[in-house]
Amino acid sequence: MNNKNRYIPIKLFVSYSILVALFIGLGWFLYSESGIFTNTENKIAKENSKILKVSNLLSNVYKTESLARKTIQSNSDKDFRDYVFKTDSLKSDIDSLKLLVTTPYQITLLDSVKLLLSKKTQNIKQLKALKNKTNEEIPVKNTIEESP
């Protein structure tokens, strides 16, 4: 009987030791898995950030296009300044997006968009100058036609 009572604390100690070892092993496993999960979540967040930036960029392209049409139609200096400001903002957005993209092809596409925006700004400036020149010549033509 005394021999049986001696084995109970040893069995209890061994079972608690195994339980602690399992707990430590489980904790280590969960910790390592959380690192993998965190890395995966960070990659997904980065991709979502890219998608959001591209979406905002496309929205700003449409807004800039709208301002371009308004500038051409109104021939206002204020509208032209707003257009130039929005275009500069769009170019900086493109530069920030270039930091996120990974392939040279995407970077080339973004550079092409920036180049086209610059050309469009120059074209609008030339159209504005041409429209001003035409508006100045109309009264002269009218005066010449009215004189006998």
C-alpha atoms as a PDB file:
ATOM      1  CA  MET A   1       0.000   0.000   0.000  1.00  0.00           C
ATOM      2  CA  ASN A   2       2.790   2.383   0.877  1.00  0.00           C
ATOM      3  CA  ASN A   3       4.459   1.529  -2.401  1.00  0.00           C
ATOM      4  CA  LYS A   4       1.313   2.499  -4.314  1.00  0.00           C
ATOM      5  CA  ASN A   5       1.125   5.927  -2.631  1.00  0.00           C
ATOM      6  CA  ARG A   6       4.720   6.641  -3.614  1.00  0.00           C
ATOM      7  CA  TYR A   7       3.952   6.236  -7.317  1.00  0.00           C
ATOM      8  CA  ILE A   8       1.027   8.685  -7.333  1.00  0.00           C
ATOM      9  CA  PRO A   9       3.146  11.861  -6.881  1.00  0.00           C
ATOM     10  CA  ILE A  10       5.603  10.627  -9.500  1.00  0.00           C
ATOM     11  CA  LYS A  11       2.758   9.939 -11.944  1.00  0.00           C
ATOM     12  CA  LEU A  12       1.256  13.328 -11.149  1.00  0.00           C
ATOM     13  CA  PHE A  13       4.604  15.072 -11.680  1.00  0.00           C
ATOM     14  CA  VAL A  14       5.180  13.249 -15.008  1.00  0.00           C
ATOM     15  CA  SER A  15       1.660  14.036 -16.250  1.00  0.00           C
ATOM     16  CA  TYR A  16       2.045  17.743 -15.345  1.00  0.00           C
ATOM     17  CA  SER A  17       5.471  17.782 -17.008  1.00  0.00           C
ATOM     18  CA  ILE A  18       3.985  16.321 -20.184  1.00  0.00           C
ATOM     19  CA  LEU A  19       1.126  18.824 -19.996  1.00  0.00           C
ATOM     20  CA  VAL A  20       3.579  21.744 -19.627  1.00  0.00           C
ATOM     21  CA  ALA A  21       5.683  20.400 -22.526  1.00  0.00           C
ATOM     22  CA  LEU A  22       2.573  20.148 -24.709  1.00  0.00           C
ATOM     23  CA  PHE A  23       1.537  23.665 -23.709  1.00  0.00           C
ATOM     24  CA  ILE A  24       4.989  25.059 -24.562  1.00  0.00           C
ATOM     25  CA  GLY A  25       5.017  23.159 -27.876  1.00  0.00           C
ATOM     26  CA  LEU A  26       1.563  24.420 -28.761  1.00  0.00           C
ATOM     27  CA  GLY A  27       2.537  27.982 -27.843  1.00  0.00           C
ATOM     28  CA  TRP A  28       5.646  27.795 -30.013  1.00  0.00           C
ATOM     29  CA  PHE A  29       3.630  26.361 -32.928  1.00  0.00           C
ATOM     30  CA  LEU A  30       0.955  29.066 -32.675  1.00  0.00           C
ATOM     31  CA  TYR A  31       3.603  31.786 -32.427  1.00  0.00           C
ATOM     32  CA  SER A  32       5.359  30.558 -35.584  1.00  0.00           C
ATOM     33  CA  GLU A  33       2.042  30.280 -37.421  1.00  0.00           C
ATOM     34  CA  SER A  34       1.054  33.796 -36.368  1.00  0.00           C
ATOM     35  CA  GLY A  35       4.253  35.079 -38.000  1.00  0.00           C
ATOM     36  CA  ILE A  36       3.307  33.367 -41.261  1.00  0.00           C
ATOM     37  CA  PHE A  37      -0.247  34.686 -40.970  1.00  0.00           C
ATOM     38  CA  THR A  38       1.033  38.207 -40.327  1.00  0.00           C
ATOM     39  CA  ASN A  39       3.292  38.065 -43.390  1.00  0.00           C
ATOM     40  CA  THR A  40       0.385  36.909 -45.518  1.00  0.00           C
ATOM     41  CA  GLU A  41      -1.831  39.674 -44.164  1.00  0.00           C
ATOM     42  CA  ASN A  42       0.870  42.263 -44.876  1.00  0.00           C
ATOM     43  CA  LYS A  43       1.144  41.064 -48.479  1.00  0.00           C
ATOM     44  CA  ILE A  44      -2.618  41.252 -48.902  1.00  0.00           C
ATOM     45  CA  ALA A  45      -2.695  44.734 -47.376  1.00  0.00           C
ATOM     46  CA  LYS A  46       0.054  45.864 -49.748  1.00  0.00           C
ATOM     47  CA  GLU A  47      -1.866  44.537 -52.749  1.00  0.00           C
ATOM     48  CA  ASN A  48      -5.045  46.221 -51.518  1.00  0.00           C
ATOM     49  CA  SER A  49      -3.096  49.447 -51.153  1.00  0.00           C
ATOM     50  CA  LYS A  50      -1.972  49.169 -54.777  1.00  0.00           C
ATOM     51  CA  ILE A  51      -5.539  48.583 -55.922  1.00  0.00           C
ATOM     52  CA  LEU A  52      -6.772  51.559 -53.923  1.00  0.00           C
ATOM     53  CA  LYS A  53      -4.040  53.825 -55.318  1.00  0.00           C
ATOM     54  CA  VAL A  54      -4.822  52.738 -58.891  1.00  0.00           C
ATOM     55  CA  SER A  55      -8.515  53.353 -58.282  1.00  0.00           C
ATOM     56  CA  ASN A  56      -7.827  56.830 -56.897  1.00  0.00           C
ATOM     57  CA  LEU A  57      -5.486  57.514 -59.803  1.00  0.00           C
ATOM     58  CA  LEU A  58      -8.160  56.571 -62.340  1.00  0.00           C
ATOM     59  CA  SER A  59     -10.683  58.756 -60.557  1.00  0.00           C
ATOM     60  CA  ASN A  60      -8.257  61.663 -60.637  1.00  0.00           C
ATOM     61  CA  VAL A  61      -7.586  61.069 -64.341  1.00  0.00           C
ATOM     62  CA  TYR A  62     -11.314  61.452 -65.036  1.00  0.00           C
ATOM     63  CA  LYS A  63     -11.477  64.605 -62.912  1.00  0.00           C
ATOM     64  CA  THR A  64      -8.464  66.021 -64.738  1.00  0.00           C
ATOM     65  CA  GLU A  65     -10.053  65.196 -68.074  1.00  0.00           C
ATOM     66  CA  SER A  66     -13.195  67.025 -67.002  1.00  0.00           C
ATOM     67  CA  LEU A  67     -11.135  70.068 -66.009  1.00  0.00           C
ATOM     68  CA  ALA A  68      -9.342  69.918 -69.367  1.00  0.00           C
ATOM     69  CA  ARG A  69     -12.644  70.087 -71.231  1.00  0.00           C
ATOM     70  CA  LYS A  70     -13.830  72.924 -69.026  1.00  0.00           C
ATOM     71  CA  THR A  71     -10.560  74.804 -69.602  1.00  0.00           C
ATOM     72  CA  ILE A  72     -10.810  74.444 -73.362  1.00  0.00           C
ATOM     73  CA  GLN A  73     -14.420  75.573 -73.447  1.00  0.00           C
ATOM     74  CA  SER A  74     -14.188  78.477 -71.018  1.00  0.00           C
ATOM     75  CA  ASN A  75     -10.750  79.818 -71.969  1.00  0.00           C
ATOM     76  CA  SER A  76     -10.408  81.026 -68.376  1.00  0.00           C
ATOM     77  CA  ASP A  77      -7.045  81.500 -66.694  1.00  0.00           C
ATOM     78  CA  LYS A  78      -8.458  80.246 -63.394  1.00  0.00           C
ATOM     79  CA  ASP A  79      -9.690  77.035 -65.006  1.00  0.00           C
ATOM     80  CA  PHE A  80      -6.313  76.567 -66.664  1.00  0.00           C
ATOM     81  CA  ARG A  81      -4.512  77.047 -63.328  1.00  0.00           C
ATOM     82  CA  ASP A  82      -6.871  74.519 -61.708  1.00  0.00           C
ATOM     83  CA  TYR A  83      -6.152  72.094 -64.522  1.00  0.00           C
ATOM     84  CA  VAL A  84      -2.382  72.527 -64.184  1.00  0.00           C
ATOM     85  CA  PHE A  85      -2.618  72.074 -60.401  1.00  0.00           C
ATOM     86  CA  LYS A  86      -4.702  68.914 -60.789  1.00  0.00           C
ATOM     87  CA  THR A  87      -2.311  67.577 -63.428  1.00  0.00           C
ATOM     88  CA  ASP A  88       0.679  68.163 -61.162  1.00  0.00           C
ATOM     89  CA  SER A  89      -1.145  66.395 -58.354  1.00  0.00           C
ATOM     90  CA  LEU A  90      -1.894  63.521 -60.707  1.00  0.00           C
ATOM     91  CA  LYS A  91       1.768  63.279 -61.714  1.00  0.00           C
ATOM     92  CA  SER A  92       2.829  63.084 -58.068  1.00  0.00           C
ATOM     93  CA  ASP A  93       0.242  60.341 -57.524  1.00  0.00           C
ATOM     94  CA  ILE A  94       1.748  58.468 -60.465  1.00  0.00           C
ATOM     95  CA  ASP A  95       5.213  58.838 -58.944  1.00  0.00           C
ATOM     96  CA  SER A  96       3.999  57.436 -55.632  1.00  0.00           C
ATOM     97  CA  LEU A  97       2.353  54.532 -57.442  1.00  0.00           C
ATOM     98  CA  LYS A  98       5.593  53.806 -59.300  1.00  0.00           C
ATOM     99  CA  LEU A  99       7.187  53.043 -55.934  1.00  0.00           C
ATOM    100  CA  LEU A 100       4.654  50.259 -55.370  1.00  0.00           C
ATOM    101  CA  VAL A 101       4.738  48.530 -58.749  1.00  0.00           C
ATOM    102  CA  THR A 102       7.267  45.816 -59.366  1.00  0.00           C
ATOM    103  CA  THR A 103       7.533  45.201 -63.089  1.00  0.00           C
ATOM    104  CA  PRO A 104       9.385  47.449 -65.532  1.00  0.00           C
ATOM    105  CA  TYR A 105       6.422  47.231 -67.912  1.00  0.00           C
ATOM    106  CA  GLN A 106       4.115  48.857 -65.346  1.00  0.00           C
ATOM    107  CA  ILE A 107       6.677  51.562 -64.656  1.00  0.00           C
ATOM    108  CA  THR A 108       6.930  52.233 -68.394  1.00  0.00           C
ATOM    109  CA  LEU A 109       3.149  52.518 -68.635  1.00  0.00           C
ATOM    110  CA  LEU A 110       3.044  54.998 -65.776  1.00  0.00           C
ATOM    111  CA  ASP A 111       5.831  57.040 -67.382  1.00  0.00           C
ATOM    112  CA  SER A 112       3.826  57.056 -70.619  1.00  0.00           C
ATOM    113  CA  VAL A 113       0.793  58.428 -68.797  1.00  0.00           C
ATOM    114  CA  LYS A 114       2.913  61.198 -67.280  1.00  0.00           C
ATOM    115  CA  LEU A 115       4.329  62.049 -70.704  1.00  0.00           C
ATOM    116  CA  LEU A 116       0.856  62.157 -72.233  1.00  0.00           C
ATOM    117  CA  LEU A 117      -0.361  64.433 -69.443  1.00  0.00           C
ATOM    118  CA  SER A 118       2.519  66.822 -70.135  1.00  0.00           C
ATOM    119  CA  LYS A 119       1.735  66.828 -73.856  1.00  0.00           C
ATOM    120  CA  LYS A 120      -1.930  67.424 -73.148  1.00  0.00           C
ATOM    121  CA  THR A 121      -1.081  70.402 -70.949  1.00  0.00           C
ATOM    122  CA  GLN A 122       1.060  71.836 -73.744  1.00  0.00           C
ATOM    123  CA  ASN A 123      -1.715  71.257 -76.278  1.00  0.00           C
ATOM    124  CA  ILE A 124      -4.284  72.974 -74.089  1.00  0.00           C
ATOM    125  CA  LYS A 125      -1.918  75.910 -73.637  1.00  0.00           C
ATOM    126  CA  GLN A 126      -1.504  76.133 -77.423  1.00  0.00           C
ATOM    127  CA  LEU A 127      -5.258  75.846 -77.977  1.00  0.00           C
ATOM    128  CA  LYS A 128      -5.820  78.602 -75.459  1.00  0.00           C
ATOM    129  CA  ALA A 129      -3.289  80.851 -77.210  1.00  0.00           C
ATOM    130  CA  LEU A 130      -4.856  80.064 -80.587  1.00  0.00           C
ATOM    131  CA  LYS A 131      -8.326  80.796 -79.264  1.00  0.00           C
ATOM    132  CA  ASN A 132      -7.148  84.118 -77.821  1.00  0.00           C
ATOM    133  CA  LYS A 133      -5.496  84.996 -81.110  1.00  0.00           C
ATOM    134  CA  THR A 134      -8.665  84.118 -83.018  1.00  0.00           C
ATOM    135  CA  ASN A 135     -10.791  86.169 -80.627  1.00  0.00           C
ATOM    136  CA  GLU A 136      -8.503  89.167 -81.151  1.00  0.00           C
ATOM    137  CA  GLU A 137      -8.715  88.873 -84.952  1.00  0.00           C
ATOM    138  CA  ILE A 138     -12.519  88.689 -85.114  1.00  0.00           C
ATOM    139  CA  PRO A 139     -13.113  92.378 -84.205  1.00  0.00           C
ATOM    140  CA  VAL A 140     -10.442  93.398 -86.714  1.00  0.00           C
ATOM    141  CA  LYS A 141     -12.127  91.355 -89.464  1.00  0.00           C
ATOM    142  CA  ASN A 142     -15.510  92.789 -88.518  1.00  0.00           C
ATOM    143  CA  THR A 143     -14.123  96.319 -88.693  1.00  0.00           C
ATOM    144  CA  ILE A 144     -12.536  95.677 -92.065  1.00  0.00           C
ATOM    145  CA  GLU A 145     -15.757  94.181 -93.443  1.00  0.00           C
ATOM    146  CA  GLU A 146     -17.882  97.057 -92.125  1.00  0.00           C
ATOM    147  CA  SER A 147     -15.755  99.807 -93.657  1.00  0.00           C
ATOM    148  CA  PRO A 148     -16.947 100.933 -97.101  1.00  0.00           C
END
